[in-house]
């Protein structure tokens, strides 16, 4: 079964957004320090909406703290 790529980010894409290596990202997931992928496998996939919401919440927190 193939997943529609327009709905998902790959491990490599999410790692690039975070500025880390894919291996480090997966380590953070295993330690509960980053949101887990929606689909485990080769490759892991994160829902774009989940990642977009994650960054939107971080931006909102940053705005509240800087106000």
N, C-alpha and C. Protein backbone atom coordinates (compact mmCIF):
# COMPACT_ATOMS: atom_id res chain seq x y z
N UNK A 1 0.85 -1.18 0.00
CA UNK A 1 0.00 0.00 0.00
C UNK A 1 0.89 1.23 0.00
N UNK A 2 0.66 2.12 -0.93
CA UNK A 2 1.43 3.35 -0.92
C UNK A 2 0.57 4.48 -0.33
N UNK A 3 1.25 5.36 0.35
CA UNK A 3 0.56 6.47 1.00
C UNK A 3 0.61 7.70 0.11
N UNK A 4 -0.45 8.51 0.13
CA UNK A 4 -0.43 9.74 -0.67
C UNK A 4 0.62 10.70 -0.11
N UNK A 5 1.63 11.00 -0.89
CA UNK A 5 2.74 11.80 -0.39
C UNK A 5 2.34 13.23 -0.07
N UNK A 6 1.28 13.75 -0.66
CA UNK A 6 0.90 15.13 -0.41
C UNK A 6 0.39 15.34 1.02
N UNK A 7 0.05 14.27 1.72
CA UNK A 7 -0.47 14.37 3.08
C UNK A 7 0.60 14.13 4.14
N UNK A 8 1.80 13.73 3.74
CA UNK A 8 2.82 13.29 4.68
C UNK A 8 4.18 13.93 4.44
N UNK A 9 4.93 14.07 5.52
CA UNK A 9 6.35 14.41 5.46
C UNK A 9 7.14 13.15 5.78
N UNK A 10 8.28 12.99 5.14
CA UNK A 10 9.16 11.86 5.44
C UNK A 10 10.07 12.22 6.62
N UNK A 11 10.75 11.22 7.14
CA UNK A 11 11.71 11.45 8.22
C UNK A 11 12.75 12.47 7.79
N UNK A 12 13.23 12.34 6.57
CA UNK A 12 14.25 13.24 6.06
C UNK A 12 13.74 14.68 6.01
N UNK A 13 12.50 14.87 5.59
CA UNK A 13 11.92 16.21 5.51
C UNK A 13 11.74 16.83 6.90
N UNK A 14 11.23 16.04 7.83
CA UNK A 14 11.02 16.55 9.19
C UNK A 14 12.37 16.85 9.85
N UNK A 15 13.34 15.99 9.64
CA UNK A 15 14.67 16.23 10.20
C UNK A 15 15.26 17.53 9.66
N UNK A 16 15.07 17.78 8.37
CA UNK A 16 15.57 19.02 7.78
C UNK A 16 14.89 20.24 8.40
N UNK A 17 13.60 20.14 8.68
CA UNK A 17 12.87 21.24 9.32
C UNK A 17 13.42 21.50 10.72
N UNK A 18 13.80 20.43 11.40
CA UNK A 18 14.32 20.54 12.77
C UNK A 18 15.81 20.88 12.79
N UNK A 19 16.48 20.73 11.64
CA UNK A 19 17.91 21.01 11.59
C UNK A 19 18.75 19.93 12.23
N UNK A 20 18.27 18.69 12.15
CA UNK A 20 18.97 17.54 12.74
C UNK A 20 19.06 16.43 11.71
N UNK A 21 19.79 15.39 12.04
CA UNK A 21 19.86 14.23 11.15
C UNK A 21 18.62 13.36 11.35
N UNK A 22 18.27 12.56 10.36
CA UNK A 22 17.15 11.63 10.53
C UNK A 22 17.34 10.69 11.72
N UNK A 23 18.54 10.22 11.94
CA UNK A 23 18.80 9.33 13.07
C UNK A 23 18.54 10.01 14.41
N UNK A 24 18.98 11.26 14.53
CA UNK A 24 18.75 12.00 15.77
C UNK A 24 17.26 12.25 15.98
N UNK A 25 16.54 12.57 14.91
CA UNK A 25 15.10 12.78 15.01
C UNK A 25 14.42 11.52 15.54
N UNK A 26 14.75 10.37 14.99
CA UNK A 26 14.14 9.12 15.44
C UNK A 26 14.51 8.80 16.88
N UNK A 27 15.72 9.19 17.29
CA UNK A 27 16.13 9.02 18.69
C UNK A 27 15.25 9.87 19.59
N UNK A 28 14.97 11.10 19.18
CA UNK A 28 14.11 11.99 19.96
C UNK A 28 12.70 11.43 20.05
N UNK A 29 12.21 10.85 18.97
CA UNK A 29 10.88 10.22 18.99
C UNK A 29 10.87 9.08 19.99
N UNK A 30 11.90 8.23 19.96
CA UNK A 30 11.93 7.07 20.86
C UNK A 30 12.02 7.49 22.33
N UNK A 31 12.56 8.67 22.59
CA UNK A 31 12.67 9.18 23.96
C UNK A 31 11.44 10.01 24.36
N UNK A 32 10.48 10.15 23.44
CA UNK A 32 9.28 10.92 23.73
C UNK A 32 9.47 12.42 23.69
N UNK A 33 10.54 12.88 23.04
CA UNK A 33 10.85 14.30 22.98
C UNK A 33 10.36 14.96 21.69
N UNK A 34 9.81 14.18 20.78
CA UNK A 34 9.26 14.71 19.53
C UNK A 34 8.06 13.84 19.18
N UNK A 35 7.10 14.44 18.48
CA UNK A 35 5.88 13.71 18.15
C UNK A 35 6.18 12.51 17.25
N UNK A 36 5.54 11.40 17.52
CA UNK A 36 5.80 10.19 16.73
C UNK A 36 5.17 10.29 15.34
N UNK A 37 5.69 9.51 14.40
CA UNK A 37 5.11 9.51 13.07
C UNK A 37 3.72 8.88 13.07
N UNK A 38 2.92 9.26 12.10
CA UNK A 38 1.57 8.69 11.95
C UNK A 38 1.67 7.30 11.34
N UNK A 39 2.73 7.06 10.57
CA UNK A 39 2.91 5.77 9.90
C UNK A 39 4.35 5.32 10.11
N UNK A 40 4.51 4.20 10.80
CA UNK A 40 5.83 3.62 10.97
C UNK A 40 6.10 2.68 9.80
N UNK A 41 7.31 2.66 9.36
CA UNK A 41 7.69 1.77 8.27
C UNK A 41 8.89 2.35 7.56
N UNK A 42 9.06 1.93 6.35
CA UNK A 42 10.16 2.46 5.54
C UNK A 42 9.56 3.15 4.34
N UNK A 43 9.53 4.47 4.34
CA UNK A 43 9.98 5.37 5.40
C UNK A 43 8.86 5.68 6.39
N UNK A 44 9.25 6.18 7.57
CA UNK A 44 8.27 6.70 8.51
C UNK A 44 7.64 7.93 7.88
N UNK A 45 6.40 8.20 8.23
CA UNK A 45 5.70 9.37 7.69
C UNK A 45 4.98 10.11 8.80
N UNK A 46 5.08 11.42 8.75
CA UNK A 46 4.34 12.29 9.66
C UNK A 46 3.26 13.00 8.87
N UNK A 47 2.06 13.07 9.43
CA UNK A 47 1.00 13.84 8.78
C UNK A 47 1.43 15.29 8.71
N UNK A 48 1.28 15.89 7.55
CA UNK A 48 1.65 17.29 7.40
C UNK A 48 0.86 18.16 8.37
N UNK A 49 -0.41 17.83 8.56
CA UNK A 49 -1.23 18.63 9.46
C UNK A 49 -0.70 18.57 10.89
N UNK A 50 -0.20 17.42 11.33
CA UNK A 50 0.36 17.30 12.68
C UNK A 50 1.61 18.14 12.84
N UNK A 51 2.49 18.07 11.86
CA UNK A 51 3.73 18.85 11.92
C UNK A 51 3.42 20.34 11.83
N UNK A 52 2.52 20.72 10.93
CA UNK A 52 2.15 22.13 10.79
C UNK A 52 1.54 22.66 12.08
N UNK A 53 0.69 21.86 12.72
CA UNK A 53 0.09 22.26 14.00
C UNK A 53 1.16 22.37 15.09
N UNK A 54 2.11 21.46 15.09
CA UNK A 54 3.20 21.48 16.06
C UNK A 54 3.98 22.79 15.97
N UNK A 55 4.34 23.19 14.74
CA UNK A 55 5.08 24.43 14.56
C UNK A 55 4.22 25.66 14.84
N UNK A 56 2.94 25.59 14.52
CA UNK A 56 2.05 26.71 14.82
C UNK A 56 1.95 26.92 16.33
N UNK A 57 1.87 25.82 17.09
CA UNK A 57 1.82 25.91 18.55
C UNK A 57 3.13 26.46 19.12
N UNK A 58 4.26 26.02 18.56
CA UNK A 58 5.55 26.57 19.01
C UNK A 58 5.62 28.07 18.76
N UNK A 59 5.14 28.51 17.59
CA UNK A 59 5.14 29.93 17.27
C UNK A 59 4.22 30.71 18.21
N UNK A 60 3.08 30.13 18.52
CA UNK A 60 2.15 30.79 19.45
C UNK A 60 2.76 30.91 20.84
N UNK A 61 3.44 29.88 21.30
CA UNK A 61 4.11 29.91 22.60
C UNK A 61 5.19 30.97 22.62
N UNK A 62 5.95 31.04 21.54
CA UNK A 62 7.03 32.03 21.46
C UNK A 62 6.46 33.45 21.48
N UNK A 63 5.34 33.63 20.80
CA UNK A 63 4.70 34.96 20.78
C UNK A 63 4.21 35.35 22.17
N UNK A 64 3.61 34.39 22.88
CA UNK A 64 3.12 34.66 24.23
C UNK A 64 4.28 34.99 25.17
N UNK A 65 5.37 34.26 25.04
CA UNK A 65 6.52 34.49 25.93
C UNK A 65 7.24 35.81 25.64
N UNK A 66 7.20 36.25 24.40
CA UNK A 66 7.91 37.48 24.04
C UNK A 66 7.05 38.72 24.24
N UNK A 67 5.77 38.53 24.53
CA UNK A 67 4.87 39.69 24.70
C UNK A 67 5.00 40.29 26.07
